[in-house]
C-alpha atoms as a PDB file:
ATOM      1  CA  UNK A   1       3.037  16.375 -23.625  1.00  0.00           C
ATOM      2  CA  UNK A   2       1.862  16.357 -20.095  1.00  0.00           C
ATOM      3  CA  UNK A   3      -0.439  13.771 -19.425  1.00  0.00           C
ATOM      4  CA  UNK A   4      -2.845  14.396 -16.150  1.00  0.00           C
ATOM      5  CA  UNK A   5      -3.994  12.404 -13.793  1.00  0.00           C
ATOM      6  CA  UNK A   6      -7.708  10.344 -14.871  1.00  0.00           C
ATOM      7  CA  UNK A   7      -7.801   7.593 -12.833  1.00  0.00           C
ATOM      8  CA  UNK A   8     -11.125   7.411 -12.933  1.00  0.00           C
ATOM      9  CA  UNK A   9     -11.657   8.711 -16.240  1.00  0.00           C
ATOM     10  CA  UNK A  10      -9.944   5.080 -17.666  1.00  0.00           C
ATOM     11  CA  UNK A  11     -12.311   2.558 -18.577  1.00  0.00           C
ATOM     12  CA  UNK A  12     -10.310  -1.027 -19.559  1.00  0.00           C
ATOM     13  CA  UNK A  13     -10.697  -1.691 -22.820  1.00  0.00           C
ATOM     14  CA  UNK A  14     -11.253  -5.295 -22.989  1.00  0.00           C
ATOM     15  CA  UNK A  15      -9.008  -7.827 -24.435  1.00  0.00           C
ATOM     16  CA  UNK A  16      -9.818  -9.498 -27.578  1.00  0.00           C
ATOM     17  CA  UNK A  17      -9.423 -13.323 -29.032  1.00  0.00           C
ATOM     18  CA  UNK A  18      -7.614 -13.689 -32.058  1.00  0.00           C
ATOM     19  CA  UNK A  19      -6.734 -17.408 -33.244  1.00  0.00           C
ATOM     20  CA  UNK A  20      -4.584 -17.895 -36.796  1.00  0.00           C
ATOM     21  CA  UNK A  21      -7.551 -19.222 -39.052  1.00  0.00           C
ATOM     22  CA  UNK A  22      -7.053 -23.198 -39.802  1.00  0.00           C
ATOM     23  CA  UNK A  23      -4.432 -23.700 -36.470  1.00  0.00           C
ATOM     24  CA  UNK A  24      -4.984 -26.290 -34.172  1.00  0.00           C
ATOM     25  CA  UNK A  25      -5.445 -24.652 -30.652  1.00  0.00           C
ATOM     26  CA  UNK A  26      -2.545 -26.185 -28.328  1.00  0.00           C
ATOM     27  CA  UNK A  27      -2.985 -23.170 -25.941  1.00  0.00           C
ATOM     28  CA  UNK A  28      -7.070 -22.761 -25.629  1.00  0.00           C
ATOM     29  CA  UNK A  29      -6.479 -22.514 -21.315  1.00  0.00           C
ATOM     30  CA  UNK A  30      -4.089 -20.798 -21.020  1.00  0.00           C
ATOM     31  CA  UNK A  31      -4.712 -17.251 -23.431  1.00  0.00           C
ATOM     32  CA  UNK A  32      -8.005 -17.716 -21.534  1.00  0.00           C
ATOM     33  CA  UNK A  33      -6.177 -16.865 -18.684  1.00  0.00           C
ATOM     34  CA  UNK A  34      -4.591 -14.214 -20.422  1.00  0.00           C
ATOM     35  CA  UNK A  35      -7.761 -13.332 -22.137  1.00  0.00           C
ATOM     36  CA  UNK A  36      -9.688 -13.287 -18.850  1.00  0.00           C
ATOM     37  CA  UNK A  37      -7.695 -12.584 -15.512  1.00  0.00           C
ATOM     38  CA  UNK A  38      -3.696 -11.486 -16.635  1.00  0.00           C
ATOM     39  CA  UNK A  39      -4.829  -9.023 -18.850  1.00  0.00           C
ATOM     40  CA  UNK A  40      -7.012  -7.191 -16.772  1.00  0.00           C
ATOM     41  CA  UNK A  41      -4.639  -7.392 -13.609  1.00  0.00           C
ATOM     42  CA  UNK A  42      -1.429  -5.635 -15.732  1.00  0.00           C
ATOM     43  CA  UNK A  43      -3.970  -2.921 -16.232  1.00  0.00           C
ATOM     44  CA  UNK A  44      -5.163  -2.718 -12.776  1.00  0.00           C
ATOM     45  CA  UNK A  45      -1.800  -2.568 -11.566  1.00  0.00           C
ATOM     46  CA  UNK A  46      -0.409   0.278 -13.318  1.00  0.00           C
ATOM     47  CA  UNK A  47      -3.084   2.316 -13.248  1.00  0.00           C
ATOM     48  CA  UNK A  48      -2.597   1.080  -9.092  1.00  0.00           C
ATOM     49  CA  UNK A  49       0.790   2.251  -9.250  1.00  0.00           C
ATOM     50  CA  UNK A  50       0.558   5.913 -11.096  1.00  0.00           C
ATOM     51  CA  UNK A  51      -2.224   6.718  -8.749  1.00  0.00           C
ATOM     52  CA  UNK A  52      -0.381   5.305  -5.728  1.00  0.00           C
ATOM     53  CA  UNK A  53       2.922   7.003  -6.825  1.00  0.00           C
ATOM     54  CA  UNK A  54       1.197  10.761  -7.391  1.00  0.00           C
ATOM     55  CA  UNK A  55      -0.087  10.353  -3.823  1.00  0.00           C
ATOM     56  CA  UNK A  56       2.989   9.494  -2.477  1.00  0.00           C
ATOM     57  CA  UNK A  57       4.647  12.617  -3.669  1.00  0.00           C
ATOM     58  CA  UNK A  58       2.079  14.601  -2.682  1.00  0.00           C
ATOM     59  CA  UNK A  59       2.217  13.806   0.535  1.00  0.00           C
ATOM     60  CA  UNK A  60       6.272  13.858   0.287  1.00  0.00           C
ATOM     61  CA  UNK A  61       5.955  17.589  -1.105  1.00  0.00           C
ATOM     62  CA  UNK A  62       4.134  18.609   1.853  1.00  0.00           C
ATOM     63  CA  UNK A  63       6.542  16.904   4.385  1.00  0.00           C
ATOM     64  CA  UNK A  64       9.783  18.307   2.324  1.00  0.00           C
ATOM     65  CA  UNK A  65       8.013  21.984   1.625  1.00  0.00           C
ATOM     66  CA  UNK A  66      10.326  23.809   3.986  1.00  0.00           C
ATOM     67  CA  UNK A  67      13.386  22.492   2.341  1.00  0.00           C
ATOM     68  CA  UNK A  68      12.653  24.654  -0.774  1.00  0.00           C
ATOM     69  CA  UNK A  69      12.389  28.091   0.893  1.00  0.00           C
ATOM     70  CA  UNK A  70      14.383  27.883   4.500  1.00  0.00           C
ATOM     71  CA  UNK A  71      18.238  26.862   3.060  1.00  0.00           C
ATOM     72  CA  UNK A  72      19.794  27.477   0.128  1.00  0.00           C
ATOM     73  CA  UNK A  73      23.734  26.457  -1.648  1.00  0.00           C
ATOM     74  CA  UNK A  74      25.055  23.401  -0.819  1.00  0.00           C
ATOM     75  CA  UNK A  75      23.109  23.192   2.775  1.00  0.00           C
ATOM     76  CA  UNK A  76      19.538  22.768   0.890  1.00  0.00           C
ATOM     77  CA  UNK A  77      21.641  20.363  -1.675  1.00  0.00           C
ATOM     78  CA  UNK A  78      22.457  18.382   1.763  1.00  0.00           C
ATOM     79  CA  UNK A  79      18.819  18.485   3.153  1.00  0.00           C
ATOM     80  CA  UNK A  80      17.408  17.735   0.039  1.00  0.00           C
ATOM     81  CA  UNK A  81      18.877  14.573  -0.451  1.00  0.00           C
ATOM     82  CA  UNK A  82      18.622  13.460   2.810  1.00  0.00           C
ATOM     83  CA  UNK A  83      15.127  13.944   3.241  1.00  0.00           C
ATOM     84  CA  UNK A  84      14.286  12.323  -0.267  1.00  0.00           C
ATOM     85  CA  UNK A  85      16.065   9.496   0.945  1.00  0.00           C
ATOM     86  CA  UNK A  86      14.397   9.167   4.313  1.00  0.00           C
ATOM     87  CA  UNK A  87      10.798  10.090   2.318  1.00  0.00           C
ATOM     88  CA  UNK A  88      11.692   5.833   1.139  1.00  0.00           C
ATOM     89  CA  UNK A  89      12.804   4.635   4.508  1.00  0.00           C
ATOM     90  CA  UNK A  90      10.286   1.783   5.373  1.00  0.00           C
ATOM     91  CA  UNK A  91      10.696   3.420   9.258  1.00  0.00           C
ATOM     92  CA  UNK A  92       9.828   7.232   8.603  1.00  0.00           C
ATOM     93  CA  UNK A  93       9.202   6.800   5.021  1.00  0.00           C
ATOM     94  CA  UNK A  94       5.491   8.041   3.091  1.00  0.00           C
ATOM     95  CA  UNK A  95       4.196   4.553   2.500  1.00  0.00           C
ATOM     96  CA  UNK A  96       3.127   4.706  -0.583  1.00  0.00           C
ATOM     97  CA  UNK A  97       6.926   5.263  -2.147  1.00  0.00           C
ATOM     98  CA  UNK A  98       8.577   2.997   0.465  1.00  0.00           C
ATOM     99  CA  UNK A  99       8.206  -0.229  -1.986  1.00  0.00           C
ATOM    100  CA  UNK A 100       8.777   1.037  -5.710  1.00  0.00           C
ATOM    101  CA  UNK A 101      10.067   0.294  -9.240  1.00  0.00           C
ATOM    102  CA  UNK A 102      11.276   3.788  -9.444  1.00  0.00           C
ATOM    103  CA  UNK A 103      14.802   4.770  -9.865  1.00  0.00           C
ATOM    104  CA  UNK A 104      15.160   8.019  -8.197  1.00  0.00           C
ATOM    105  CA  UNK A 105      13.204  11.089  -6.957  1.00  0.00           C
ATOM    106  CA  UNK A 106      14.343  14.359  -7.059  1.00  0.00           C
ATOM    107  CA  UNK A 107      13.861  17.932  -5.988  1.00  0.00           C
ATOM    108  CA  UNK A 108      13.128  20.595  -8.176  1.00  0.00           C
ATOM    109  CA  UNK A 109      13.409  24.781  -7.960  1.00  0.00           C
ATOM    110  CA  UNK A 110      10.536  27.131  -9.641  1.00  0.00           C
ATOM    111  CA  UNK A 111      12.692  27.347 -12.511  1.00  0.00           C
ATOM    112  CA  UNK A 112      13.064  23.412 -13.356  1.00  0.00           C
ATOM    113  CA  UNK A 113      16.795  22.399 -12.730  1.00  0.00           C
ATOM    114  CA  UNK A 114      17.217  19.351 -10.589  1.00  0.00           C
ATOM    115  CA  UNK A 115      18.219  20.250  -6.734  1.00  0.00           C
ATOM    116  CA  UNK A 116      19.086  17.049  -5.777  1.00  0.00           C
ATOM    117  CA  UNK A 117      18.102  13.633  -6.405  1.00  0.00           C
ATOM    118  CA  UNK A 118      17.766  10.973  -3.715  1.00  0.00           C
ATOM    119  CA  UNK A 119      21.470   9.081  -4.731  1.00  0.00           C
ATOM    120  CA  UNK A 120      25.243   9.182  -4.886  1.00  0.00           C
ATOM    121  CA  UNK A 121      26.737  10.303  -7.107  1.00  0.00           C
ATOM    122  CA  UNK A 122      24.203  12.907  -8.619  1.00  0.00           C
ATOM    123  CA  UNK A 123      24.241  12.974 -11.974  1.00  0.00           C
ATOM    124  CA  UNK A 124      21.137  14.747 -11.785  1.00  0.00           C
ATOM    125  CA  UNK A 125      22.144  17.905 -10.202  1.00  0.00           C
ATOM    126  CA  UNK A 126      21.641  20.965 -12.002  1.00  0.00           C
ATOM    127  CA  UNK A 127      19.743  19.148 -14.973  1.00  0.00           C
ATOM    128  CA  UNK A 128      16.952  21.278 -16.625  1.00  0.00           C
ATOM    129  CA  UNK A 129      14.042  18.804 -16.011  1.00  0.00           C
ATOM    130  CA  UNK A 130      11.663  21.214 -17.182  1.00  0.00           C
ATOM    131  CA  UNK A 131      13.424  22.004 -20.705  1.00  0.00           C
ATOM    132  CA  UNK A 132      13.248  18.059 -20.897  1.00  0.00           C
ATOM    133  CA  UNK A 133       9.572  17.460 -19.822  1.00  0.00           C
ATOM    134  CA  UNK A 134       6.352  18.959 -19.811  1.00  0.00           C
ATOM    135  CA  UNK A 135       4.643  17.103 -16.793  1.00  0.00           C
ATOM    136  CA  UNK A 136       7.850  19.406 -14.541  1.00  0.00           C
ATOM    137  CA  UNK A 137       6.743  22.415 -15.834  1.00  0.00           C
ATOM    138  CA  UNK A 138       3.733  21.976 -15.293  1.00  0.00           C
ATOM    139  CA  UNK A 139       3.950  20.924 -12.118  1.00  0.00           C
ATOM    140  CA  UNK A 140       6.114  24.392 -11.337  1.00  0.00           C
ATOM    141  CA  UNK A 141       2.623  26.101 -13.008  1.00  0.00           C
ATOM    142  CA  UNK A 142       0.380  24.032  -9.959  1.00  0.00           C
ATOM    143  CA  UNK A 143      -0.763  20.307 -11.894  1.00  0.00           C
ATOM    144  CA  UNK A 144      -0.439  17.290 -10.999  1.00  0.00           C
ATOM    145  CA  UNK A 145       0.965  15.207 -13.853  1.00  0.00           C
ATOM    146  CA  UNK A 146       3.415  12.324 -15.286  1.00  0.00           C
ATOM    147  CA  UNK A 147       4.151  10.866 -19.351  1.00  0.00           C
ATOM    148  CA  UNK A 148       6.785   8.987 -21.131  1.00  0.00           C
ATOM    149  CA  UNK A 149       9.474  10.065 -21.691  1.00  0.00           C
ATOM    150  CA  UNK A 150      13.209   9.891 -22.217  1.00  0.00           C
ATOM    151  CA  UNK A 151      16.325  10.896 -20.135  1.00  0.00           C
ATOM    152  CA  UNK A 152      19.321  11.409 -21.982  1.00  0.00           C
ATOM    153  CA  UNK A 153      21.830   8.574 -21.940  1.00  0.00           C
ATOM    154  CA  UNK A 154      24.756   9.884 -19.924  1.00  0.00           C
ATOM    155  CA  UNK A 155      27.453   7.169 -21.753  1.00  0.00           C
ATOM    156  CA  UNK A 156      28.458   8.853 -25.574  1.00  0.00           C
ATOM    157  CA  UNK A 157      25.755   7.288 -27.819  1.00  0.00           C
ATOM    158  CA  UNK A 158      23.669   5.194 -25.428  1.00  0.00           C
ATOM    159  CA  UNK A 159      20.633   4.566 -25.815  1.00  0.00           C
ATOM    160  CA  UNK A 160      18.402   7.351 -23.448  1.00  0.00           C
ATOM    161  CA  UNK A 161      16.021   5.643 -20.420  1.00  0.00           C
ATOM    162  CA  UNK A 162      12.480   5.965 -21.345  1.00  0.00           C
ATOM    163  CA  UNK A 163      10.511   6.765 -17.821  1.00  0.00           C
ATOM    164  CA  UNK A 164       7.617   7.746 -16.253  1.00  0.00           C
ATOM    165  CA  UNK A 165       7.593  10.534 -14.806  1.00  0.00           C
ATOM    166  CA  UNK A 166       5.698  11.924 -12.010  1.00  0.00           C
ATOM    167  CA  UNK A 167       5.440  15.325 -10.688  1.00  0.00           C
ATOM    168  CA  UNK A 168       4.075  17.471  -8.075  1.00  0.00           C
ATOM    169  CA  UNK A 169       4.024  21.254  -7.259  1.00  0.00           C
ATOM    170  CA  UNK A 170       5.267  22.088  -3.855  1.00  0.00           C
ATOM    171  CA  UNK A 171       3.527  25.000  -2.154  1.00  0.00           C
ATOM    172  CA  UNK A 172       4.143  27.603   0.633  1.00  0.00           C
ATOM    173  CA  UNK A 173       2.137  29.859   1.911  1.00  0.00           C
ATOM    174  CA  UNK A 174      -0.063  29.871  -1.355  1.00  0.00           C
ATOM    175  CA  UNK A 175       2.586  30.040  -3.633  1.00  0.00           C
ATOM    176  CA  UNK A 176       4.115  27.104  -5.790  1.00  0.00           C
ATOM    177  CA  UNK A 177       8.018  26.940  -4.941  1.00  0.00           C
ATOM    178  CA  UNK A 178       9.388  23.902  -6.560  1.00  0.00           C
ATOM    179  CA  UNK A 179       8.464  20.663  -7.460  1.00  0.00           C
ATOM    180  CA  UNK A 180       8.894  17.038  -6.409  1.00  0.00           C
ATOM    181  CA  UNK A 181       9.497  14.152  -9.149  1.00  0.00           C
ATOM    182  CA  UNK A 182      10.072  10.742  -9.641  1.00  0.00           C
ATOM    183  CA  UNK A 183      11.227   7.947 -12.261  1.00  0.00           C
ATOM    184  CA  UNK A 184      10.405   4.936 -13.615  1.00  0.00           C
ATOM    185  CA  UNK A 185      11.700   3.086 -15.978  1.00  0.00           C
ATOM    186  CA  UNK A 186       9.987   1.274 -18.408  1.00  0.00           C
ATOM    187  CA  UNK A 187      12.417  -1.834 -17.717  1.00  0.00           C
ATOM    188  CA  UNK A 188      11.583  -1.679 -13.857  1.00  0.00           C
ATOM    189  CA  UNK A 189       7.605  -1.181 -14.498  1.00  0.00           C
ATOM    190  CA  UNK A 190       8.251  -4.407 -16.653  1.00  0.00           C
ATOM    191  CA  UNK A 191       9.749  -6.112 -13.613  1.00  0.00           C
ATOM    192  CA  UNK A 192       7.466  -4.886 -11.478  1.00  0.00           C
ATOM    193  CA  UNK A 193       4.344  -6.652 -13.591  1.00  0.00           C
ATOM    194  CA  UNK A 194       6.534  -9.705 -14.456  1.00  0.00           C
ATOM    195  CA  UNK A 195       7.106 -10.656 -10.545  1.00  0.00           C
ATOM    196  CA  UNK A 196       3.944  -9.441  -9.311  1.00  0.00           C
ATOM    197  CA  UNK A 197       2.553 -12.212 -11.418  1.00  0.00           C
ATOM    198  CA  UNK A 198       4.360 -14.539 -11.118  1.00  0.00           C
ATOM    199  CA  UNK A 199       4.248 -14.235  -7.169  1.00  0.00           C
ATOM    200  CA  UNK A 200       0.268 -14.026  -7.402  1.00  0.00           C
ATOM    201  CA  UNK A 201      -0.230 -17.739  -9.430  1.00  0.00           C
ATOM    202  CA  UNK A 202       2.382 -19.031  -7.235  1.00  0.00           C
ATOM    203  CA  UNK A 203       0.376 -22.140  -5.506  1.00  0.00           C
ATOM    204  CA  UNK A 204       0.140 -25.709  -5.976  1.00  0.00           C
ATOM    205  CA  UNK A 205      -2.514 -24.997  -9.045  1.00  0.00           C
ATOM    206  CA  UNK A 206       0.025 -23.510 -11.534  1.00  0.00           C
ATOM    207  CA  UNK A 207       3.251 -25.231 -10.593  1.00  0.00           C
ATOM    208  CA  UNK A 208       4.732 -25.139 -13.173  1.00  0.00           C
ATOM    209  CA  UNK A 209       3.655 -22.211 -14.958  1.00  0.00           C
ATOM    210  CA  UNK A 210       5.818 -19.863 -16.776  1.00  0.00           C
ATOM    211  CA  UNK A 211       4.368 -16.359 -16.498  1.00  0.00           C
ATOM    212  CA  UNK A 212       6.171 -13.412 -18.305  1.00  0.00           C
ATOM    213  CA  UNK A 213       5.002  -9.542 -19.345  1.00  0.00           C
ATOM    214  CA  UNK A 214       7.389  -7.471 -21.788  1.00  0.00           C
ATOM    215  CA  UNK A 215       5.977  -3.645 -21.991  1.00  0.00           C
ATOM    216  CA  UNK A 216       5.943  -2.015 -25.467  1.00  0.00           C
ATOM    217  CA  UNK A 217       6.298   1.691 -26.501  1.00  0.00           C
ATOM    218  CA  UNK A 218       5.870   1.944 -30.349  1.00  0.00           C
ATOM    219  CA  UNK A 219       8.523   0.001 -31.821  1.00  0.00           C
ATOM    220  CA  UNK A 220      10.601  -0.522 -28.964  1.00  0.00           C
ATOM    221  CA  UNK A 221       9.739  -3.398 -26.371  1.00  0.00           C
ATOM    222  CA  UNK A 222      11.384  -2.737 -22.951  1.00  0.00           C
ATOM    223  CA  UNK A 223      12.599  -5.313 -20.475  1.00  0.00           C
ATOM    224  CA  UNK A 224      15.207  -6.596 -18.290  1.00  0.00           C
ATOM    225  CA  UNK A 225      16.038 -10.119 -17.097  1.00  0.00           C
ATOM    226  CA  UNK A 226      13.707 -12.457 -19.075  1.00  0.00           C
ATOM    227  CA  UNK A 227      14.419 -15.318 -20.382  1.00  0.00           C
ATOM    228  CA  UNK A 228      16.257 -15.222 -23.546  1.00  0.00           C
ATOM    229  CA  UNK A 229      14.672 -17.628 -25.512  1.00  0.00           C
ATOM    230  CA  UNK A 230      10.974 -16.235 -24.842  1.00  0.00           C
ATOM    231  CA  UNK A 231      12.459 -12.542 -26.013  1.00  0.00           C
ATOM    232  CA  UNK A 232      12.876 -14.189 -29.719  1.00  0.00           C
ATOM    233  CA  UNK A 233       9.105 -15.204 -29.425  1.00  0.00           C
ATOM    234  CA  UNK A 234       7.813 -11.673 -28.648  1.00  0.00           C
ATOM    235  CA  UNK A 235       6.180 -10.033 -31.657  1.00  0.00           C
ATOM    236  CA  UNK A 236       7.421  -7.617 -32.692  1.00  0.00           C
ATOM    237  CA  UNK A 237       5.865  -4.282 -33.882  1.00  0.00           C
ATOM    238  CA  UNK A 238       4.997  -4.922 -37.159  1.00  0.00           C
ATOM    239  CA  UNK A 239       2.812  -7.894 -35.561  1.00  0.00           C
ATOM    240  CA  UNK A 240       1.494  -6.334 -32.867  1.00  0.00           C
ATOM    241  CA  UNK A 241       0.719  -3.659 -35.274  1.00  0.00           C
ATOM    242  CA  UNK A 242      -1.471  -5.581 -37.731  1.00  0.00           C
ATOM    243  CA  UNK A 243      -3.181  -7.401 -34.460  1.00  0.00           C
ATOM    244  CA  UNK A 244      -4.105  -4.117 -33.265  1.00  0.00           C
ATOM    245  CA  UNK A 245      -5.462  -3.285 -36.508  1.00  0.00           C
ATOM    246  CA  UNK A 246      -7.965  -5.983 -36.381  1.00  0.00           C
ATOM    247  CA  UNK A 247      -8.689  -5.788 -32.893  1.00  0.00           C
ATOM    248  CA  UNK A 248      -8.251  -2.620 -30.989  1.00  0.00           C
ATOM    249  CA  UNK A 249      -8.721  -3.468 -27.750  1.00  0.00           C
ATOM    250  CA  UNK A 250      -6.177  -6.437 -27.523  1.00  0.00           C
ATOM    251  CA  UNK A 251      -5.214  -9.651 -29.116  1.00  0.00           C
ATOM    252  CA  UNK A 252      -4.060 -13.522 -27.963  1.00  0.00           C
ATOM    253  CA  UNK A 253      -2.570 -15.884 -29.955  1.00  0.00           C
ATOM    254  CA  UNK A 254       0.502 -19.000 -29.318  1.00  0.00           C
ATOM    255  CA  UNK A 255       3.736 -19.409 -30.337  1.00  0.00           C
ATOM    256  CA  UNK A 256       5.707 -23.232 -30.406  1.00  0.00           C
ATOM    257  CA  UNK A 257       9.695 -23.478 -29.227  1.00  0.00           C
ATOM    258  CA  UNK A 258      11.604 -26.693 -28.489  1.00  0.00           C
ATOM    259  CA  UNK A 259       8.290 -28.525 -28.264  1.00  0.00           C
ATOM    260  CA  UNK A 260       6.498 -26.277 -25.797  1.00  0.00           C
ATOM    261  CA  UNK A 261       3.512 -23.931 -26.768  1.00  0.00           C
ATOM    262  CA  UNK A 262       3.190 -20.338 -25.668  1.00  0.00           C
ATOM    263  CA  UNK A 263       0.302 -18.924 -25.119  1.00  0.00           C
ATOM    264  CA  UNK A 264       0.285 -14.729 -25.236  1.00  0.00           C
ATOM    265  CA  UNK A 265      -1.538 -11.862 -25.462  1.00  0.00           C
ATOM    266  CA  UNK A 266      -1.298  -8.361 -26.656  1.00  0.00           C
ATOM    267  CA  UNK A 267      -2.777  -5.405 -24.601  1.00  0.00           C
ATOM    268  CA  UNK A 268      -2.349  -1.860 -25.086  1.00  0.00           C
ATOM    269  CA  UNK A 269      -2.457   0.311 -21.933  1.00  0.00           C
ATOM    270  CA  UNK A 270      -3.497   3.770 -22.989  1.00  0.00           C
ATOM    271  CA  UNK A 271      -3.271   5.716 -19.782  1.00  0.00           C
ATOM    272  CA  UNK A 272       0.546   5.492 -19.938  1.00  0.00           C
ATOM    273  CA  UNK A 273      -0.028   6.832 -23.742  1.00  0.00           C
ATOM    274  CA  UNK A 274      -1.025   5.859 -27.567  1.00  0.00           C
ATOM    275  CA  UNK A 275       0.940   3.269 -28.805  1.00  0.00           C
ATOM    276  CA  UNK A 276       1.781   1.564 -25.677  1.00  0.00           C
ATOM    277  CA  UNK A 277       1.058  -1.970 -24.349  1.00  0.00           C
ATOM    278  CA  UNK A 278       1.887  -4.934 -22.849  1.00  0.00           C
ATOM    279  CA  UNK A 279       2.913  -8.299 -24.047  1.00  0.00           C
ATOM    280  CA  UNK A 280       2.108 -11.316 -21.877  1.00  0.00           C
ATOM    281  CA  UNK A 281       3.320 -14.591 -22.095  1.00  0.00           C
ATOM    282  CA  UNK A 282       2.375 -18.056 -20.216  1.00  0.00           C
ATOM    283  CA  UNK A 283       2.838 -21.803 -20.553  1.00  0.00           C
ATOM    284  CA  UNK A 284       1.067 -24.716 -18.806  1.00  0.00           C
ATOM    285  CA  UNK A 285       2.626 -27.632 -18.090  1.00  0.00           C
ATOM    286  CA  UNK A 286       2.048 -29.793 -21.151  1.00  0.00           C
END
């Protein structure tokens, strides 16, 4: 379902504390940090990123709009690809799109078919993106939007790429002539959130602190480059569901591995859609 851009209407939910009865709390301060700082910060980053990328798409669409009407065929394809690359260049690009976890940006014709994406080889060329993503179809009707959807794998039997798809209409003389789209895979969003928290937490007072963020969608867990030992500690879908049933705004807990105590927090990020959120891990020096 295509999701409009309700940035101002979204009110971040409080992350609630859930403790295991009878257990000694070895991670009180770490859990408090997740509750008061990391959880709200992650939600803020997601909302800001969505807003920034949507604004960047609008600017890029306006700069590139002549490409949809003044050329066609191979000339249009090559021109679009060059223009898409330029939109992300540090010197001449759109500021909101230069630093981004997106995996692609693509131009779509008025029938919803991909003209070109920003890199080669271009496996997206000719793909019916309006059929795959309601957000693209909505953009061709004149509406900005985003959704979390799936790209089929290019490999037989491979898993689909679960991606935040964003789209904006391209106007020429009051007519929608196409759309500009971009995609952010959830594993890239996970990396973005982890690196941002780690960067912001760097300093003498936080020396030795371990911070990681995982992204979940329903039963799925999206990650890349996370420590394998830590991957084993992530609460599974059943544990997340049970915890959120008692505390819909989120919950925290603690786990121990190899003698080290980890605090974790599960927080829904409903601006991305129902059943979506993050699991934040923090380990302080002991």
